[in-house]
Protein backbone atom coordinates (compact mmCIF):
# COMPACT_ATOMS: atom_id res chain seq x y z
CA MET A 1 127.04 54.59 142.52
CA PRO A 2 123.38 53.61 142.26
CA SER A 3 122.45 50.49 144.18
CA PHE A 4 121.59 47.38 142.16
CA VAL A 5 117.87 46.86 141.80
CA ALA A 6 116.75 43.38 140.81
CA ASN A 7 114.09 42.96 138.15
CA THR A 8 114.09 46.60 137.03
CA PHE A 9 111.90 45.72 134.05
CA GLY A 10 108.90 44.86 136.20
CA GLN A 11 106.54 41.89 136.01
CA PRO A 12 106.32 39.41 134.49
CA ALA A 13 110.02 38.63 134.55
CA ALA A 14 111.77 36.32 132.07
CA SER A 15 112.04 32.79 133.48
CA LEU A 16 115.11 30.84 132.41
CA GLY A 17 115.32 27.09 132.45
CA PHE A 18 118.85 26.54 133.69
CA VAL A 19 117.61 26.87 137.28
CA GLY A 20 115.47 23.77 136.76
CA PHE A 21 116.35 20.19 137.55
CA VAL A 22 115.26 16.56 137.25
CA LYS A 23 115.52 14.49 140.40
CA PHE A 24 114.62 10.98 141.58
CA PRO A 25 114.20 11.72 145.31
CA THR A 26 114.02 8.08 146.42
CA LEU A 27 117.34 7.13 144.77
CA ASN A 28 120.60 7.59 146.67
CA SER A 29 122.90 7.57 143.64
CA GLY A 30 124.67 10.64 142.35
CA ASN A 31 123.77 13.86 144.15
CA GLY A 32 120.61 12.62 145.80
CA GLY A 33 119.14 11.16 142.62
CA THR A 34 119.74 14.27 140.50
CA VAL A 35 120.14 13.76 136.76
CA ARG A 36 122.42 16.01 134.67
CA ALA A 37 119.73 16.06 131.99
CA THR A 38 120.16 17.05 128.36
CA SER A 39 116.42 16.72 127.76
CA CYS A 40 113.27 16.00 129.74
CA ASP A 41 109.75 16.14 128.30
CA ILE A 42 107.73 14.48 131.07
CA ARG A 43 104.32 16.13 131.20
CA LEU A 44 100.67 15.75 132.08
CA SER A 45 98.37 15.86 129.04
CA GLN A 46 94.72 15.33 128.23
CA ASP A 47 92.95 15.15 124.90
CA ILE A 48 89.73 17.08 124.35
CA SER A 49 87.67 15.90 121.41
CA LYS A 50 84.55 17.38 119.82
CA PRO A 51 82.52 14.47 118.43
CA ASP A 52 80.05 14.92 115.60
CA VAL A 53 76.42 14.92 116.65
CA VAL A 54 73.21 15.89 114.83
CA ASP A 55 71.61 18.80 116.68
CA SER A 56 70.51 21.27 113.94
CA ARG A 57 73.58 23.47 114.47
CA TYR A 58 76.43 24.40 112.11
CA ASP A 59 78.98 24.45 114.92
CA LYS A 60 80.32 21.92 117.38
CA THR A 61 78.22 21.95 120.54
CA VAL A 62 79.66 19.14 122.68
CA TRP A 63 83.12 18.26 123.87
CA GLN A 64 84.57 15.18 125.53
CA LEU A 65 87.45 14.68 127.97
CA GLY A 66 90.07 12.02 127.43
CA PRO A 67 92.16 10.31 130.12
CA LYS A 68 94.90 12.20 131.96
CA ILE A 69 98.24 10.92 130.68
CA VAL A 70 101.60 11.26 132.45
CA GLU A 71 104.51 10.19 130.31
CA GLY A 72 107.76 11.39 128.78
CA SER A 73 111.45 10.72 128.43
CA ILE A 74 114.70 11.80 130.07
CA SER A 75 118.11 11.73 128.39
CA PHE A 76 121.44 12.35 130.06
CA PRO A 77 125.12 11.51 129.63
CA ALA A 78 126.41 8.76 131.88
CA ILE A 79 128.75 10.14 134.52
CA PHE A 80 131.22 8.76 137.01
CA ASP A 81 130.85 9.47 140.69
CA ARG A 82 133.06 10.27 143.62
CA GLY A 83 133.68 7.53 146.13
CA GLY A 84 132.50 4.61 144.03
CA ALA A 85 128.78 4.86 144.71
CA ASN A 86 126.23 3.54 142.23
CA THR A 87 125.58 5.84 139.31
CA ILE A 88 122.10 7.01 138.44
CA ALA A 89 122.32 4.98 135.21
CA GLU A 90 122.79 1.74 137.15
CA ASP A 91 119.95 2.47 139.56
CA LEU A 92 117.55 3.34 136.73
CA PHE A 93 118.49 0.19 134.83
CA ASP A 94 117.64 -1.83 137.93
CA LYS A 95 114.27 -0.06 138.15
CA ALA A 96 113.56 -0.95 134.52
CA CYS A 97 114.73 -4.55 134.89
CA ASN A 98 113.73 -5.87 138.32
CA ARG A 99 110.18 -7.23 138.63
CA ASP A 100 108.42 -8.67 141.63
CA GLY A 101 106.76 -12.09 141.89
CA VAL A 102 103.76 -11.01 139.80
CA GLY A 103 105.79 -9.20 137.13
CA LYS A 104 105.32 -5.63 138.41
CA LEU A 105 107.96 -2.88 138.42
CA ALA A 106 108.77 -0.68 141.40
CA GLU A 107 107.21 2.78 141.34
CA LEU A 108 109.24 5.93 141.94
CA PRO A 109 108.47 9.66 142.09
CA ILE A 110 110.19 12.17 139.80
CA ASP A 111 110.70 15.83 140.74
CA VAL A 112 110.88 18.21 137.78
CA LYS A 113 111.41 21.93 138.15
CA TYR A 114 111.08 23.60 134.77
CA THR A 115 111.94 27.10 135.90
CA SER A 116 110.35 29.31 138.59
CA SER A 117 108.30 28.28 141.61
CA ASN A 118 105.06 28.08 139.66
CA ALA A 119 106.45 25.46 137.25
CA ALA A 120 107.71 22.70 139.55
CA PHE A 121 105.95 19.36 139.96
CA GLN A 122 106.37 15.90 141.39
CA TYR A 123 105.18 13.21 138.99
CA GLN A 124 103.95 10.24 141.00
CA LYS A 125 103.70 6.45 140.69
CA ASN A 126 106.06 6.31 137.71
CA ILE A 127 107.61 3.19 136.27
CA VAL A 128 110.61 3.03 133.96
CA ASP A 129 109.01 1.68 130.81
CA THR A 130 112.09 1.85 128.56
CA PHE A 131 115.83 2.05 129.20
CA SER A 132 118.30 2.76 126.39
CA PHE A 133 122.10 2.66 126.45
CA SER A 134 124.06 3.97 123.47
CA VAL A 135 127.64 4.87 122.64
CA ALA A 136 129.46 5.72 119.42
CA GLN A 137 133.12 6.35 118.69
CA SER A 138 134.25 9.89 119.60
CA ASP A 139 131.07 10.48 121.59
CA VAL A 140 129.66 10.12 125.09
CA VAL A 141 127.74 7.26 126.65
CA THR A 142 124.10 8.32 126.59
CA ILE A 143 121.30 7.00 128.78
CA SER A 144 117.64 7.54 127.91
CA ILE A 145 114.59 6.37 129.80
CA GLY A 146 110.88 6.53 129.06
CA VAL A 147 108.51 6.74 132.01
CA ILE A 148 104.77 6.33 132.52
CA GLY A 149 103.07 7.79 135.61
CA ALA A 150 99.68 8.30 137.20
CA GLY A 151 99.54 11.96 138.25
CA ARG A 152 101.37 15.04 139.50
CA ILE A 153 101.33 17.47 142.38
CA THR A 154 102.75 20.98 142.68
CA MET A 155 106.20 20.92 144.23
CA SER A 156 107.91 23.43 146.50
CA ASP A 157 111.26 24.93 145.48
CA SER A 158 112.64 23.74 148.83
CA THR A 159 113.24 20.30 147.34
CA GLU A 160 115.86 21.44 144.82
CA PRO A 161 119.19 19.55 144.90
CA LEU A 162 122.17 20.95 146.74
CA GLY A 163 125.90 20.29 146.49
CA ILE A 164 126.17 19.27 142.83
CA ASP A 165 129.79 18.16 142.42
CA ASN A 166 131.80 18.47 139.23
CA VAL A 167 132.45 15.08 137.70
CA ARG A 168 133.57 13.63 134.37
CA ILE A 169 131.18 12.42 131.68
CA VAL A 170 131.67 8.84 130.50
CA THR A 171 133.12 8.85 126.98
CA TRP A 172 133.62 6.16 124.37
CA ASN A 173 137.05 5.17 125.72
CA ASP A 174 135.37 4.16 128.99
CA ALA A 175 132.71 2.03 127.29
CA ILE A 176 132.62 -1.76 127.57
CA VAL A 177 131.17 -3.72 124.67
CA GLU A 178 132.06 -7.39 124.18
CA ILE A 179 130.27 -10.02 122.12
CA ASP A 180 130.72 -13.66 123.12
CA LEU A 181 129.49 -15.90 120.30
CA LYS A 182 128.58 -19.42 121.37
CA SER A 183 127.20 -22.19 119.24
CA ASN A 184 127.15 -25.96 119.28
CA VAL A 185 126.91 -26.12 115.48
CA GLU A 186 130.13 -27.14 113.77
CA GLY A 187 131.37 -24.41 111.45
CA GLN A 188 129.22 -21.66 112.94
CA GLY A 189 131.04 -18.54 114.11
CA ASN A 190 132.30 -18.78 117.71
CA GLY A 191 134.58 -16.57 119.75
CA ILE A 192 135.00 -13.14 121.35
CA ILE A 193 134.54 -9.83 119.53
CA GLY A 194 135.95 -6.92 121.51
CA GLY A 195 135.34 -3.21 121.41
CA GLU A 196 138.29 -2.60 119.11
CA SER A 197 136.12 -3.83 116.22
CA ILE A 198 132.98 -1.89 117.17
CA ARG A 199 132.09 1.62 116.01
CA SER A 200 128.82 2.02 117.89
CA PHE A 201 126.47 0.04 120.10
CA ASP A 202 122.99 0.51 121.45
CA MET A 203 120.45 -1.50 123.39
CA THR A 204 116.87 -0.83 124.43
CA LEU A 205 114.94 -2.63 127.13
CA ALA A 206 111.21 -2.09 126.61
CA ASN A 207 108.68 -3.18 129.23
CA ASN A 208 105.71 -2.38 126.96
CA ALA A 209 103.67 -1.08 129.89
CA GLN A 210 99.95 -0.44 129.54
CA ARG A 211 97.47 1.73 131.43
CA PHE A 212 94.36 0.04 132.76
CA TYR A 213 91.27 2.11 133.50
CA THR A 214 88.23 1.18 135.58
CA LEU A 215 84.99 2.86 136.62
CA ASN A 216 86.78 4.30 139.65
CA GLY A 217 85.47 7.85 139.25
CA SER A 218 88.79 9.14 137.97
CA LEU A 219 90.36 10.04 134.63
CA THR A 220 93.66 8.54 135.80
CA PRO A 221 94.46 4.81 135.39
CA GLN A 222 93.64 2.35 138.14
CA ASP A 223 96.96 0.63 137.46
CA ILE A 224 99.96 0.73 135.15
CA ALA A 225 101.42 -2.69 134.44
CA PRO A 226 104.36 -3.84 132.32
CA THR A 227 103.69 -6.60 129.84
CA ILE A 228 106.14 -8.92 128.05
CA ARG A 229 109.63 -7.43 127.95
CA GLU A 230 111.57 -6.98 124.72
CA ILE A 231 115.32 -6.33 124.43
CA THR A 232 116.80 -5.28 121.09
CA GLY A 233 119.75 -3.34 119.79
CA THR A 234 122.27 -2.67 117.06
CA VAL A 235 126.01 -3.13 116.69
CA VAL A 236 127.95 -1.29 113.98
CA VAL A 237 131.36 -2.82 113.27
CA MET A 238 134.30 -1.46 111.34
CA GLY A 239 134.58 -3.44 108.14
CA ARG A 240 133.11 -6.93 108.23
CA ILE A 241 133.59 -9.67 110.82
CA PRO A 242 133.18 -13.05 109.08
CA MET A 243 132.74 -14.85 112.41
CA LEU A 244 129.71 -12.71 113.29
CA ALA A 245 128.31 -12.96 109.77
CA GLU A 246 128.65 -16.74 109.68
CA HIS A 247 127.02 -17.05 113.08
CA ALA A 248 123.91 -15.21 111.86
CA GLU A 249 123.74 -16.98 108.50
CA GLU A 250 123.71 -20.37 110.21
CA ASN A 251 120.81 -19.57 112.56
CA GLU A 252 118.64 -22.11 110.77
CA LYS A 253 120.92 -24.92 111.97
CA THR A 254 120.46 -24.12 115.66
CA CYS A 255 117.54 -24.56 118.03
CA PHE A 256 118.94 -22.28 120.76
CA ASP A 257 121.65 -19.64 121.12
CA GLU A 258 123.77 -18.97 124.20
CA SER A 259 125.66 -15.96 122.85
CA LYS A 260 126.13 -12.99 125.16
CA ILE A 261 126.77 -9.27 124.92
CA LYS A 262 128.46 -7.49 127.80
CA PHE A 263 127.98 -3.72 127.89
CA GLY A 264 128.59 -0.83 130.26
CA TYR A 265 131.47 1.39 131.26
CA ALA A 266 134.41 1.56 133.66
CA VAL A 267 137.14 4.11 134.28
CA GLN A 268 140.32 3.07 132.48
CA SER A 269 142.82 4.47 135.00
CA SER A 270 143.32 4.81 138.75
CA SER A 271 142.23 8.44 138.76
CA GLY A 272 139.90 8.13 141.73
CA CYS A 273 136.73 7.87 139.65
CA GLY A 274 134.19 5.35 140.81
CA ALA A 275 130.89 3.80 139.93
CA SER A 276 131.37 1.48 136.98
CA PHE A 277 128.34 -0.12 135.35
CA ASP A 278 128.18 -3.39 133.46
CA ARG A 279 125.49 -5.87 132.52
CA THR A 280 125.31 -8.96 130.32
CA LEU A 281 122.59 -9.67 127.78
CA PRO A 282 122.18 -13.48 127.61
CA ASN A 283 120.76 -15.62 124.81
CA CYS A 284 121.44 -13.14 122.01
CA VAL A 285 120.23 -13.92 118.50
CA PHE A 286 121.87 -11.97 115.67
CA GLU A 287 120.31 -10.95 112.38
CA ILE A 288 122.19 -11.19 109.09
CA GLU A 289 124.47 -8.18 108.62
CA GLU A 290 123.44 -5.12 106.62
CA LEU A 291 125.89 -4.06 103.89
CA GLU A 292 126.01 -0.84 101.91
CA LEU A 293 128.34 0.34 99.16
CA THR A 294 130.05 3.60 100.09
CA ASN A 295 133.02 5.84 99.30
CA GLU A 296 133.51 6.42 103.03
CA LEU A 297 134.57 4.02 105.77
CA PHE A 298 133.04 0.60 105.15
CA GLU A 299 130.90 -0.53 108.05
CA THR A 300 128.42 -3.32 108.63
CA THR A 301 125.35 -3.16 110.86
CA VAL A 302 124.06 -6.12 112.86
CA ASN A 303 120.76 -6.08 114.73
CA TYR A 304 120.30 -8.41 117.68
CA HIS A 305 117.66 -9.67 120.11
CA SER A 306 118.19 -10.86 123.68
CA LEU A 307 115.85 -13.45 125.22
CA PRO A 308 116.88 -13.63 128.90
CA ALA A 309 114.14 -15.97 130.11
CA ALA A 310 115.26 -19.51 130.94
CA SER A 311 118.90 -18.73 130.31
CA VAL A 312 120.88 -21.95 130.01
CA GLU A 313 123.64 -20.60 132.26
CA ASN A 314 121.19 -18.85 134.61
CA ASP A 315 122.45 -15.42 133.68
CA ASP A 316 120.36 -12.75 135.40
CA LEU A 317 120.02 -9.71 133.22
CA CYS A 318 119.27 -7.58 136.26
CA LEU A 319 122.49 -8.38 138.13
CA SER A 320 125.95 -6.95 137.50
């Protein structure tokens, strides 16, 4: 029998992506901050433009460098964990939500190995600019984040994660979605709407971060700062819920709204799974429902906005 010879086709060899990974090395959740990613497009980019000048030539003769941009998104299914530790989804939500006394977000590095040793980088000084949570009937709970960073360095393969345990993905039966309608206006819809009426739910927290450049001798930003936060989302309900519709139609009669939406997930049995995740969006304002004639299942769509600041009941969006 001939002995096995690796890479018999010579160089260069085909590089496959399944050996790659996405990891948040400063987070302790999951397997050392490793994400079971379905997509990751974080990258360093730079525009090169060729402005028009008058110099007696038919061709472009000058070119101009743009700023170096680090940005991208990561999507992954929410998962449970062994032993009840925090999940990566919860930790990343906290990174997107918690600000310091001057409104800044905590920075964190991200290790991305795309394939072989010459395509592995650590993206540095990143902030979580957007965090999205979505779930639909018969589907998984999906988490997506958008990040903005300041640079990257080449990373050694020695940092790759070890000991990735098998674990169950969070599915729609584990999801928690509950709407608590509250109004002081007589006749306006009030009460609890549970998940049994909801077909799908999503929310997006956007920090609307901006890059700020100075004459610091570098093409990278001097600072990346979040601006005013915006929280929006959509609820699709089976049929029509008059209580929710009436609540939105009577918005003109109110001067504040204390309605809440609780969302997240928790294991529904004592199977040994751990790491539930739940948060409450306070001060939710609902738009008038969207209706559409159809031969299929009749559904209504309701968009909402959460305004956490100065919550009447002191709800802290960033706390479970």
